[in-house]
N, C-alpha and C. Protein backbone atom coordinates (compact mmCIF):
# COMPACT_ATOMS: atom_id res chain seq x y z
N UNK A 1 96.19 188.29 129.56
CA UNK A 1 97.16 188.43 130.45
C UNK A 1 97.01 189.78 131.31
N UNK A 2 96.53 190.82 130.88
CA UNK A 2 96.11 191.94 131.69
C UNK A 2 95.17 191.53 132.92
N UNK A 3 94.02 190.65 132.32
CA UNK A 3 92.99 190.21 133.32
C UNK A 3 93.60 189.47 134.48
N UNK A 4 94.28 188.64 133.88
CA UNK A 4 94.96 187.81 134.98
C UNK A 4 95.92 188.33 136.04
N UNK A 5 96.72 189.45 135.57
CA UNK A 5 97.55 190.10 136.50
C UNK A 5 96.66 191.13 137.17
N UNK A 6 95.39 191.64 136.78
CA UNK A 6 94.56 192.36 137.58
C UNK A 6 93.92 191.49 138.80
N UNK A 7 93.44 190.34 138.27
CA UNK A 7 92.89 189.41 139.26
C UNK A 7 93.78 188.99 140.32
N UNK A 8 95.30 188.75 139.93
CA UNK A 8 96.10 188.58 141.04
C UNK A 8 96.47 189.68 141.96
N UNK A 9 96.37 190.76 141.62
CA UNK A 9 96.52 191.91 142.23
C UNK A 9 95.20 192.16 143.17
N UNK A 10 94.25 191.65 142.72
CA UNK A 10 93.06 191.98 143.75
C UNK A 10 93.10 190.83 144.90
N UNK A 11 93.29 189.60 144.17
CA UNK A 11 93.69 188.68 145.42
C UNK A 11 94.62 188.77 146.30
N UNK A 12 95.73 189.64 146.04
CA UNK A 12 96.80 189.97 146.79
C UNK A 12 96.36 190.99 147.76
N UNK A 13 95.58 191.93 147.51
CA UNK A 13 94.97 192.86 148.34
C UNK A 13 94.05 192.09 149.40
N UNK A 14 93.29 191.49 148.85
CA UNK A 14 92.05 190.65 149.67
C UNK A 14 92.67 189.86 150.82
N UNK A 15 93.73 188.98 150.19
CA UNK A 15 94.60 188.16 151.31
C UNK A 15 95.24 189.01 152.19
N UNK A 16 95.82 189.96 151.62
CA UNK A 16 96.83 190.72 152.63
C UNK A 16 96.01 191.59 153.62
N UNK A 17 94.68 191.96 153.19
CA UNK A 17 93.85 192.67 154.19
C UNK A 17 93.36 191.70 155.14
N UNK A 18 92.86 190.29 154.72
CA UNK A 18 92.40 189.34 155.69
C UNK A 18 93.54 189.01 156.83
N UNK A 19 94.72 188.85 156.42
CA UNK A 19 95.85 188.45 157.23
C UNK A 19 96.04 189.77 158.13
N UNK A 20 96.02 190.84 157.68
CA UNK A 20 96.19 191.93 158.42
C UNK A 20 95.14 192.19 159.68
N UNK A 21 93.82 191.99 159.29
CA UNK A 21 92.66 192.09 160.03
C UNK A 21 92.89 190.89 160.87
N UNK A 22 93.33 189.74 160.62
CA UNK A 22 93.04 188.43 161.50
C UNK A 22 94.33 188.78 162.58
N UNK A 23 95.33 189.33 162.22
CA UNK A 23 96.52 189.62 163.07
C UNK A 23 96.09 190.60 163.96
N UNK A 24 95.45 191.66 163.59
CA UNK A 24 95.05 192.92 164.48
C UNK A 24 94.01 192.38 165.56
N UNK A 25 92.94 191.55 165.02
CA UNK A 25 92.09 191.10 165.86
C UNK A 25 92.55 189.99 166.96
N UNK A 26 93.60 189.08 166.64
CA UNK A 26 94.20 188.24 167.38
C UNK A 26 94.94 188.97 168.43
N UNK A 27 95.70 190.16 168.11
CA UNK A 27 96.46 190.84 169.01
C UNK A 27 95.49 191.59 170.04
N UNK A 28 94.53 191.99 169.51
CA UNK A 28 93.33 192.79 170.47
C UNK A 28 92.93 191.82 171.54
N UNK A 29 92.58 190.45 170.98
CA UNK A 29 92.02 189.71 171.79
C UNK A 29 92.86 189.11 172.85
N UNK A 30 94.23 189.35 172.76
CA UNK A 30 95.29 188.70 173.75
C UNK A 30 95.80 189.90 174.52
N UNK A 31 96.28 190.86 173.87
CA UNK A 31 96.75 192.06 174.49
C UNK A 31 95.85 192.98 175.22
N UNK A 32 94.42 192.81 175.23
CA UNK A 32 93.73 193.70 175.77
C UNK A 32 93.80 193.69 177.22
N UNK A 33 93.73 194.63 178.03
CA UNK A 33 93.85 194.83 179.55
C UNK A 33 92.98 194.17 180.40
N UNK A 34 91.66 193.85 179.84
CA UNK A 34 90.56 193.10 180.61
C UNK A 34 90.74 191.52 179.89
N UNK A 35 91.61 191.29 178.98
CA UNK A 35 91.69 190.09 178.51
C UNK A 35 92.07 188.90 179.40
N UNK A 36 91.30 187.71 179.46
CA UNK A 36 91.91 186.53 180.19
C UNK A 36 92.87 185.71 179.22
N UNK A 37 93.98 186.04 179.49
CA UNK A 37 95.17 185.44 178.48
C UNK A 37 95.22 184.01 178.55
N UNK A 38 94.85 183.39 179.77
CA UNK A 38 94.82 181.93 179.79
C UNK A 38 93.89 181.23 178.82
N UNK A 39 92.74 181.89 178.65
CA UNK A 39 91.67 181.45 177.64
C UNK A 39 91.94 181.93 176.15
N UNK A 40 92.07 183.48 176.22
CA UNK A 40 91.88 184.10 174.86
C UNK A 40 93.30 183.75 174.04
N UNK A 41 94.29 183.23 174.60
CA UNK A 41 95.41 182.87 173.67
C UNK A 41 95.13 182.06 172.52
N UNK A 42 94.25 180.86 173.04
CA UNK A 42 93.85 180.06 171.87
C UNK A 42 92.86 180.46 170.91
N UNK A 43 92.10 181.13 171.52
CA UNK A 43 91.18 182.02 170.47
C UNK A 43 91.90 182.96 169.67
N UNK A 44 92.87 183.66 170.24
CA UNK A 44 93.81 184.50 169.32
C UNK A 44 94.62 183.80 168.33
N UNK A 45 94.95 182.53 168.60
CA UNK A 45 95.66 181.67 167.64
C UNK A 45 94.61 181.20 166.37
N UNK A 46 93.49 180.94 166.99
CA UNK A 46 92.29 180.38 166.03
C UNK A 46 92.05 181.57 164.80
N UNK A 47 91.94 182.88 165.32
CA UNK A 47 91.68 183.80 164.71
C UNK A 47 92.66 184.24 163.75
N UNK A 48 94.05 183.93 164.16
CA UNK A 48 95.13 184.20 163.39
C UNK A 48 95.29 183.17 162.26
N UNK A 49 95.02 181.93 162.47
CA UNK A 49 95.33 180.85 161.82
C UNK A 49 94.24 180.68 160.53
N UNK A 50 93.08 181.07 160.85
CA UNK A 50 91.84 181.01 160.00
C UNK A 50 92.06 181.72 158.54
N UNK A 51 92.64 183.10 158.71
CA UNK A 51 92.97 183.89 157.52
C UNK A 51 94.07 183.32 156.64
N UNK A 52 94.95 182.69 157.38
CA UNK A 52 96.05 182.01 156.51
C UNK A 52 95.56 180.81 155.94
N UNK A 53 94.68 180.26 156.09
CA UNK A 53 94.01 179.22 155.38
C UNK A 53 93.37 179.57 153.98
N UNK A 54 92.65 180.87 154.28
CA UNK A 54 91.89 181.24 153.27
C UNK A 54 92.90 181.83 152.26
N UNK A 55 94.04 182.13 152.52
CA UNK A 55 95.16 182.76 151.74
C UNK A 55 96.16 181.54 150.98
N UNK A 56 95.89 180.41 151.46
CA UNK A 56 96.76 179.24 150.96
C UNK A 56 96.71 179.12 149.47
N UNK A 57 95.82 179.12 148.72
CA UNK A 57 95.93 179.20 147.20
C UNK A 57 96.92 180.29 146.70
N UNK A 58 96.86 181.42 147.25
CA UNK A 58 97.84 182.50 146.86
C UNK A 58 99.15 182.21 147.04
N UNK A 59 99.21 181.78 148.22
CA UNK A 59 100.38 181.70 148.85
C UNK A 59 101.33 180.67 148.09
N UNK A 60 100.64 179.57 147.73
CA UNK A 60 101.08 178.57 146.88
C UNK A 60 101.45 179.08 145.60
N UNK A 61 100.59 179.87 144.99
CA UNK A 61 100.96 180.54 143.71
C UNK A 61 102.27 181.44 143.55
N UNK A 62 102.49 182.21 144.72
CA UNK A 62 103.60 182.96 144.91
C UNK A 62 104.59 182.03 145.33
N UNK A 63 104.80 181.31 146.22
CA UNK A 63 106.05 180.54 146.55
C UNK A 63 106.27 179.19 145.56
N UNK A 64 105.39 178.89 144.96
CA UNK A 64 105.55 177.80 144.13
C UNK A 64 105.31 176.45 145.02
N UNK A 65 104.83 175.46 144.08
CA UNK A 65 104.64 174.11 144.87
C UNK A 65 105.45 173.46 145.53
N UNK A 66 106.95 173.45 144.91
CA UNK A 66 108.17 173.07 145.56
C UNK A 66 108.29 173.57 147.01
N UNK A 67 107.75 174.80 147.52
CA UNK A 67 108.08 175.23 148.73
C UNK A 67 106.86 175.33 149.51
N UNK A 68 105.85 174.74 149.19
CA UNK A 68 104.55 174.98 149.67
C UNK A 68 104.39 174.03 151.00
N UNK A 69 105.25 173.33 151.47
CA UNK A 69 105.34 172.69 152.66
C UNK A 69 105.41 173.41 153.90
N UNK A 70 105.82 175.01 153.55
CA UNK A 70 105.61 175.85 154.83
C UNK A 70 104.44 176.18 154.96
N UNK A 71 103.58 176.10 154.03
CA UNK A 71 102.05 176.72 154.40
C UNK A 71 100.97 175.61 154.34
N UNK A 72 100.96 174.61 153.83
CA UNK A 72 100.06 173.54 153.68
C UNK A 72 99.85 173.02 155.23
N UNK A 73 100.66 172.87 156.13
CA UNK A 73 100.17 172.26 157.49
C UNK A 73 99.24 173.29 158.30
N UNK A 74 99.20 174.62 157.87
CA UNK A 74 98.54 175.77 158.40
C UNK A 74 96.98 175.23 158.66
N UNK A 75 96.53 174.44 157.73
CA UNK A 75 95.25 173.88 157.80
C UNK A 75 94.92 173.06 158.87
N UNK A 76 95.84 172.47 159.54
CA UNK A 76 95.66 171.70 160.73
C UNK A 76 95.89 172.45 162.00
N UNK A 77 95.75 173.72 162.04
CA UNK A 77 95.88 174.31 163.26
C UNK A 77 94.64 175.04 163.96
N UNK A 78 93.76 175.44 162.94
CA UNK A 78 92.33 175.95 163.69
C UNK A 78 91.58 175.05 164.43
N UNK A 79 91.43 173.67 164.07
CA UNK A 79 90.63 172.63 165.00
C UNK A 79 91.19 172.50 166.33
N UNK A 80 92.61 172.36 166.30
CA UNK A 80 93.08 172.08 167.96
C UNK A 80 92.98 173.46 168.60
N UNK A 81 92.99 174.63 168.08
CA UNK A 81 93.01 175.79 168.72
C UNK A 81 91.66 176.08 169.31
N UNK A 82 90.60 175.72 168.32
CA UNK A 82 89.31 176.04 168.89
C UNK A 82 88.74 174.98 169.95
N UNK A 83 89.23 173.80 169.90
CA UNK A 83 89.05 172.71 170.94
C UNK A 83 89.69 173.09 172.10
N UNK A 84 90.95 173.64 172.24
CA UNK A 84 91.61 173.95 173.28
C UNK A 84 91.07 175.23 173.94
N UNK A 85 90.41 176.23 173.07
CA UNK A 85 89.76 177.43 173.45
C UNK A 85 88.53 176.80 174.68
N UNK A 86 87.75 176.19 173.81
CA UNK A 86 86.59 175.50 174.72
C UNK A 86 86.77 174.68 175.79
N UNK A 87 87.93 173.95 175.87
CA UNK A 87 88.29 173.22 177.07
C UNK A 87 88.97 174.22 178.28
N UNK A 88 89.58 175.20 177.86
CA UNK A 88 90.00 176.28 178.91
C UNK A 88 89.09 176.83 179.83
N UNK A 89 87.70 177.01 179.43
CA UNK A 89 86.78 177.38 180.29
C UNK A 89 86.55 176.60 181.40
N UNK A 90 86.89 175.27 181.50
CA UNK A 90 86.71 174.68 182.61
C UNK A 90 88.15 174.01 183.28
N UNK A 91 89.10 174.11 182.51
CA UNK A 91 90.40 173.81 183.17
C UNK A 91 91.56 174.51 182.70
N UNK A 92 92.78 174.47 183.30
CA UNK A 92 93.74 175.22 183.04
C UNK A 92 94.38 174.31 181.89
N UNK A 93 94.70 174.89 180.75
CA UNK A 93 95.45 174.16 179.55
C UNK A 93 96.79 174.73 179.44
N UNK A 94 97.66 173.86 179.99
CA UNK A 94 99.02 174.50 179.85
C UNK A 94 99.76 174.01 178.42
N UNK A 95 100.87 174.50 178.19
CA UNK A 95 101.41 174.14 176.78
C UNK A 95 101.79 172.66 176.82
N UNK A 96 102.17 172.08 177.92
CA UNK A 96 102.26 170.78 177.94
C UNK A 96 101.11 169.65 177.29
N UNK A 97 100.09 170.37 177.83
CA UNK A 97 98.70 169.62 177.31
C UNK A 97 98.47 170.00 175.95
N UNK A 98 98.98 171.14 175.35
CA UNK A 98 98.60 171.49 174.16
C UNK A 98 99.54 170.77 173.09
N UNK A 99 100.83 170.58 173.46
CA UNK A 99 101.58 170.00 172.53
C UNK A 99 101.12 168.58 171.82
N UNK A 100 100.37 167.82 172.43
CA UNK A 100 99.96 166.51 171.71
C UNK A 100 99.09 166.77 170.61
N UNK A 101 98.25 167.98 170.84
CA UNK A 101 97.43 168.31 169.67
C UNK A 101 98.10 168.88 168.56
N UNK A 102 99.47 169.33 168.76
CA UNK A 102 100.02 169.91 167.63
C UNK A 102 100.80 168.82 166.72
N UNK A 103 100.78 167.54 167.30
CA UNK A 103 101.57 166.52 166.69
C UNK A 103 101.46 166.13 165.12
N UNK A 104 99.88 166.24 164.92
CA UNK A 104 99.55 166.17 163.57
C UNK A 104 100.08 167.21 162.62
N UNK A 105 100.40 168.37 163.09
CA UNK A 105 100.96 169.58 162.25
C UNK A 105 102.37 169.27 162.00
N UNK A 106 103.04 168.63 163.14
CA UNK A 106 104.60 168.52 162.65
C UNK A 106 104.50 167.19 161.82
N UNK A 107 103.79 166.37 162.15
CA UNK A 107 104.00 165.06 161.00
C UNK A 107 103.66 165.48 159.72
N UNK A 108 102.61 166.24 159.47
CA UNK A 108 102.20 166.69 158.23
C UNK A 108 103.30 167.45 157.49
N UNK A 109 104.10 168.32 158.25
CA UNK A 109 105.15 169.12 157.69
C UNK A 109 106.26 168.28 157.30
N UNK A 110 106.66 167.44 158.34
CA UNK A 110 107.73 166.32 157.88
C UNK A 110 107.51 165.69 156.73
N UNK A 111 106.26 164.92 156.48
CA UNK A 111 106.11 164.16 155.32
C UNK A 111 105.93 165.02 154.18
N UNK A 112 105.12 166.30 154.22
CA UNK A 112 105.24 167.06 153.26
C UNK A 112 106.55 167.64 152.59
N UNK A 113 107.35 167.81 153.61
CA UNK A 113 108.76 168.45 153.12
C UNK A 113 109.56 167.11 152.42
N UNK A 114 109.57 166.13 152.78
CA UNK A 114 110.12 164.96 152.23
C UNK A 114 109.52 164.65 150.80
N UNK A 115 108.12 164.57 150.91
CA UNK A 115 107.57 164.34 149.52
C UNK A 115 107.73 165.41 148.53
N UNK A 116 107.55 166.70 148.94
CA UNK A 116 107.87 167.76 147.91
C UNK A 116 109.24 168.01 147.56
N UNK A 117 109.95 167.74 148.50
CA UNK A 117 111.54 167.96 148.04
C UNK A 117 111.96 166.86 147.12
N UNK A 118 111.33 165.51 147.20
CA UNK A 118 111.88 164.51 146.15
C UNK A 118 111.09 164.84 145.01
N UNK A 119 109.92 165.37 144.82
CA UNK A 119 109.54 165.61 143.63
C UNK A 119 109.86 167.02 142.88
N UNK A 120 110.38 167.89 143.78
CA UNK A 120 111.08 168.92 143.39
C UNK A 120 112.36 168.75 142.57
N UNK A 121 113.06 167.86 143.04
CA UNK A 121 114.26 167.54 142.37
C UNK A 121 114.18 166.86 140.93
N UNK A 122 112.87 166.41 140.75
CA UNK A 122 112.65 165.75 139.48
C UNK A 122 112.01 166.80 138.49
N UNK A 123 111.21 167.69 139.07
CA UNK A 123 110.70 168.85 138.29
C UNK A 123 111.26 170.03 138.81
N UNK A 124 112.44 170.50 138.66
CA UNK A 124 112.89 171.74 139.35
C UNK A 124 112.16 173.13 138.73
N UNK A 125 112.02 172.90 137.59
CA UNK A 125 111.62 174.15 136.80
C UNK A 125 110.05 174.18 136.40
N UNK A 126 109.23 173.03 136.91
CA UNK A 126 107.96 172.96 136.48
C UNK A 126 107.19 173.95 137.69
N UNK A 127 106.25 174.78 136.94
CA UNK A 127 105.49 175.70 137.68
C UNK A 127 104.01 175.15 137.99
N UNK A 128 103.60 174.27 137.23
CA UNK A 128 102.37 173.60 137.63
C UNK A 128 102.74 172.39 138.36
N UNK A 129 101.71 171.95 139.30
CA UNK A 129 101.82 170.63 140.04
C UNK A 129 101.92 169.39 139.03
N UNK A 130 102.94 168.52 139.14
CA UNK A 130 102.79 167.42 138.36
C UNK A 130 101.93 166.57 138.44
N UNK A 131 101.40 165.92 137.52
CA UNK A 131 100.27 165.01 137.52
C UNK A 131 100.50 163.94 138.56
N UNK A 132 101.87 163.36 138.38
CA UNK A 132 102.26 162.20 139.19
C UNK A 132 102.14 162.66 140.89
N UNK A 133 102.40 163.81 141.19
CA UNK A 133 102.50 164.21 142.48
C UNK A 133 101.03 164.15 142.92
N UNK A 134 100.05 164.57 142.20
CA UNK A 134 98.68 164.35 142.70
C UNK A 134 98.16 163.00 143.01
N UNK A 135 98.86 162.07 142.08
CA UNK A 135 98.32 160.61 142.25
C UNK A 135 99.36 159.92 143.18
N UNK A 136 100.21 160.63 143.74
CA UNK A 136 101.37 159.88 144.82
C UNK A 136 100.53 159.47 146.06
N UNK A 137 100.94 158.22 146.49
CA UNK A 137 100.18 157.75 147.78
C UNK A 137 100.43 158.58 149.03
N UNK A 138 101.57 159.30 149.21
CA UNK A 138 102.03 160.04 150.42
C UNK A 138 101.03 161.33 150.18
N UNK A 139 100.97 162.10 148.90
CA UNK A 139 100.13 163.04 148.77
C UNK A 139 98.58 162.87 149.09
N UNK A 140 98.18 161.74 148.63
CA UNK A 140 96.74 161.51 148.97
C UNK A 140 96.53 161.19 150.33
N UNK A 141 97.47 160.72 151.03
CA UNK A 141 97.29 160.64 152.64
C UNK A 141 97.22 161.80 153.08
N UNK A 142 98.30 162.90 152.65
CA UNK A 142 98.40 164.10 153.22
C UNK A 142 97.01 165.11 152.97
N UNK A 143 96.37 164.78 151.75
CA UNK A 143 95.19 165.68 151.42
C UNK A 143 93.94 164.95 152.33
N UNK A 144 93.98 163.81 152.49
CA UNK A 144 92.89 163.38 153.16
C UNK A 144 93.04 163.45 154.73
N UNK A 145 94.21 163.72 155.25
CA UNK A 145 94.61 163.81 156.52
C UNK A 145 93.97 165.40 156.99
N UNK A 146 93.91 166.29 156.31
CA UNK A 146 93.24 167.65 156.61
C UNK A 146 91.77 167.40 156.78
N UNK A 147 90.99 166.93 156.20
CA UNK A 147 89.45 166.98 156.42
C UNK A 147 89.03 165.97 157.56
N UNK A 148 89.87 165.01 157.75
CA UNK A 148 89.77 163.94 158.67
C UNK A 148 90.01 164.58 160.06
N UNK A 149 91.19 165.16 160.39
CA UNK A 149 91.57 165.93 161.37
C UNK A 149 90.45 166.93 161.89
N UNK A 150 90.01 167.79 160.80
CA UNK A 150 88.90 168.75 161.10
C UNK A 150 87.73 168.23 161.49
N UNK A 151 87.23 167.17 161.15
CA UNK A 151 86.10 166.31 161.51
C UNK A 151 86.21 166.03 162.76
N UNK A 152 87.18 165.40 163.32
CA UNK A 152 87.50 164.67 164.47
C UNK A 152 87.58 165.92 165.66
N UNK A 153 87.96 167.19 165.36
CA UNK A 153 88.00 168.16 166.19
C UNK A 153 86.97 168.71 166.15
N UNK A 154 85.92 168.69 165.14
CA UNK A 154 84.55 169.29 165.15
C UNK A 154 83.91 168.50 166.04
N UNK A 155 83.86 167.07 166.08
CA UNK A 155 83.09 166.30 167.14
C UNK A 155 83.65 166.47 168.46
N UNK A 156 84.79 166.78 168.76
CA UNK A 156 85.20 166.91 170.00
C UNK A 156 84.80 168.15 170.50
N UNK A 157 84.95 169.36 169.76
CA UNK A 157 84.44 170.48 170.06
C UNK A 157 83.06 170.50 170.48
N UNK A 158 82.09 169.88 169.59
CA UNK A 158 80.78 169.66 169.88
C UNK A 158 80.33 169.08 171.02
N UNK A 159 81.13 168.04 171.37
CA UNK A 159 80.65 167.24 172.73
C UNK A 159 81.02 168.22 173.75
N UNK A 160 82.16 168.98 173.69
CA UNK A 160 82.27 169.85 174.88
C UNK A 160 81.09 170.77 175.21
N UNK A 161 80.57 171.37 173.83
CA UNK A 161 79.46 172.20 174.11
C UNK A 161 78.36 171.55 174.46
N UNK A 162 78.07 170.48 174.31
CA UNK A 162 77.11 169.75 174.87
C UNK A 162 77.08 169.57 176.14
N UNK A 163 78.35 169.38 176.69
CA UNK A 163 78.46 169.18 178.16
C UNK A 163 78.40 170.42 178.87
N UNK A 164 78.85 171.70 178.42
CA UNK A 164 78.62 172.95 178.87
C UNK A 164 77.01 173.16 178.98
N UNK A 165 76.32 172.94 177.80
CA UNK A 165 74.87 173.27 177.86
C UNK A 165 74.17 172.32 178.88
N UNK A 166 74.60 171.10 179.15
CA UNK A 166 73.92 170.20 180.05
C UNK A 166 74.21 170.83 181.42
N UNK A 167 75.21 171.21 181.80
CA UNK A 167 75.88 171.80 182.96
C UNK A 167 75.02 173.08 183.30
N UNK A 168 74.98 173.89 182.37
CA UNK A 168 74.07 175.17 182.39
C UNK A 168 72.77 174.91 182.67
N UNK A 169 72.08 173.88 181.90
CA UNK A 169 70.55 173.41 182.42
C UNK A 169 70.51 173.03 183.69
N UNK A 170 71.49 172.41 184.30
CA UNK A 170 71.44 171.69 185.68
C UNK A 170 71.47 172.90 186.45
N UNK A 171 72.55 173.80 186.42
CA UNK A 171 72.47 174.94 187.29
C UNK A 171 71.43 175.73 187.29
N UNK A 172 70.73 176.01 186.07
CA UNK A 172 69.50 176.96 186.05
C UNK A 172 68.38 176.18 186.71
N UNK A 173 68.26 174.61 186.64
CA UNK A 173 67.18 174.08 187.33
C UNK A 173 67.37 174.19 189.00
N UNK A 174 68.60 174.10 189.33
CA UNK A 174 68.92 174.22 190.59
C UNK A 174 68.51 175.80 191.15
N UNK A 175 68.82 176.73 190.54
CA UNK A 175 68.66 178.05 190.85
C UNK A 175 67.30 178.29 190.96
N UNK A 176 66.41 177.67 189.96
CA UNK A 176 64.94 177.86 190.13
C UNK A 176 64.41 176.97 191.19
N UNK A 177 64.94 175.82 191.80
CA UNK A 177 64.34 175.27 192.71
C UNK A 177 64.71 175.68 194.00
N UNK A 178 65.75 176.39 194.15
CA UNK A 178 65.97 176.84 195.50
C UNK A 178 65.00 177.99 196.04
N UNK A 179 64.61 178.82 195.39
CA UNK A 179 63.64 179.78 195.85
C UNK A 179 62.46 179.19 196.13
N UNK A 180 61.95 178.10 195.47
CA UNK A 180 60.70 177.44 195.65
C UNK A 180 60.84 176.72 197.14
N UNK A 181 61.96 176.09 197.42
CA UNK A 181 62.13 175.41 198.67
C UNK A 181 62.13 176.58 199.82
N UNK A 182 62.76 177.65 199.64
CA UNK A 182 62.81 178.66 200.69
C UNK A 182 61.47 179.22 200.99
N UNK A 183 60.48 179.33 199.86
CA UNK A 183 59.23 179.93 199.88
C UNK A 183 58.35 178.87 200.75
N UNK A 184 58.58 177.62 200.55
CA UNK A 184 57.93 176.63 201.31
C UNK A 184 58.07 176.74 202.66
N UNK A 185 59.45 176.82 203.15
CA UNK A 185 59.88 176.85 204.36
C UNK A 185 59.28 178.14 205.23
N UNK A 186 59.20 179.14 204.50
CA UNK A 186 58.56 180.33 204.95
C UNK A 186 57.23 180.43 205.17
N UNK A 187 56.29 179.54 204.31
CA UNK A 187 55.00 179.31 204.50
C UNK A 187 54.87 178.44 205.78
N UNK A 188 55.74 177.36 205.97
CA UNK A 188 55.41 176.62 207.02
C UNK A 188 55.67 177.39 208.34
N UNK A 189 56.35 178.40 208.26
CA UNK A 189 56.58 178.97 209.77
C UNK A 189 55.41 179.52 210.19
N UNK A 190 54.60 180.44 209.53
CA UNK A 190 53.35 181.09 209.95
C UNK A 190 52.50 180.13 210.40
N UNK A 191 52.38 178.91 209.66
CA UNK A 191 51.24 177.85 210.10
C UNK A 191 51.55 177.45 211.31
N UNK A 192 52.93 177.22 211.63
CA UNK A 192 53.24 176.78 212.93
C UNK A 192 52.84 177.43 214.04
N UNK A 193 53.09 178.78 213.94
CA UNK A 193 52.97 179.99 214.69
C UNK A 193 51.51 180.07 215.10
N UNK A 194 50.60 179.83 214.13
CA UNK A 194 49.12 179.95 214.21
C UNK A 194 48.85 178.79 215.22
N UNK A 195 49.20 177.50 214.92
CA UNK A 195 48.90 176.33 215.89
C UNK A 195 49.19 176.66 217.12
N UNK A 196 50.49 177.17 217.41
CA UNK A 196 50.85 177.26 218.82
C UNK A 196 50.05 178.68 219.26
N UNK A 197 49.59 179.49 218.38
CA UNK A 197 48.64 180.53 219.27
C UNK A 197 47.47 180.04 219.64
N UNK A 198 46.84 179.08 218.84
CA UNK A 198 45.58 178.58 219.18
C UNK A 198 45.77 177.55 220.22
N UNK A 199 46.78 176.97 220.35
CA UNK A 199 47.25 175.94 221.41
C UNK A 199 47.27 176.88 222.75
N UNK A 200 47.87 177.95 222.70
CA UNK A 200 47.89 178.90 224.05
C UNK A 200 46.57 179.29 224.33
N UNK A 201 45.81 179.84 223.42
CA UNK A 201 44.34 180.15 223.59
C UNK A 201 43.44 179.15 224.20
N UNK A 202 43.75 178.02 223.83
CA UNK A 202 42.76 176.73 224.42
C UNK A 202 43.25 176.55 225.76
N UNK A 203 44.60 176.77 226.25
CA UNK A 203 45.00 176.43 227.55
C UNK A 203 44.27 177.43 228.45
């Protein structure tokens, strides 16, 4: 019991420090005077949501599985925030454009609330997750919804990075080609002047 209590306290300090650090860094990214708030707001939200995911097991232990619908949907936030952050470099992302990416979060919250409330009425004093809840079809769908959504946004974010890389290579190739063309024009100029000088001497 003493070892369990000590490990829980250590976990509490680690989770608290991670959340505090994430909150401080997110605030620094957004409220810095040289910060581009149109872009960094999504990065700040991403930085803030990531420590919350790491602390989910501890929150579940403190709040109980009956009230875990408050924290379980948080795992669906970093993917959209990272994707919107990358997109905001090329276009202005308004909140209207952001709302569709938060629909999975809302759907997950509603389904999780309905499912956990129903099971909490059947097992109000149960501290551990009921075995039936783990095998419930709705619970299985919700658990698979997290990794599927993360993989989808990983692919979308990677595609944007590839487009940025291609455009950067294209701009770099153009910047290298322009001086060469200018140098060619400058080289042709003296040749023409020499031909003109020779023609004037022959006359």
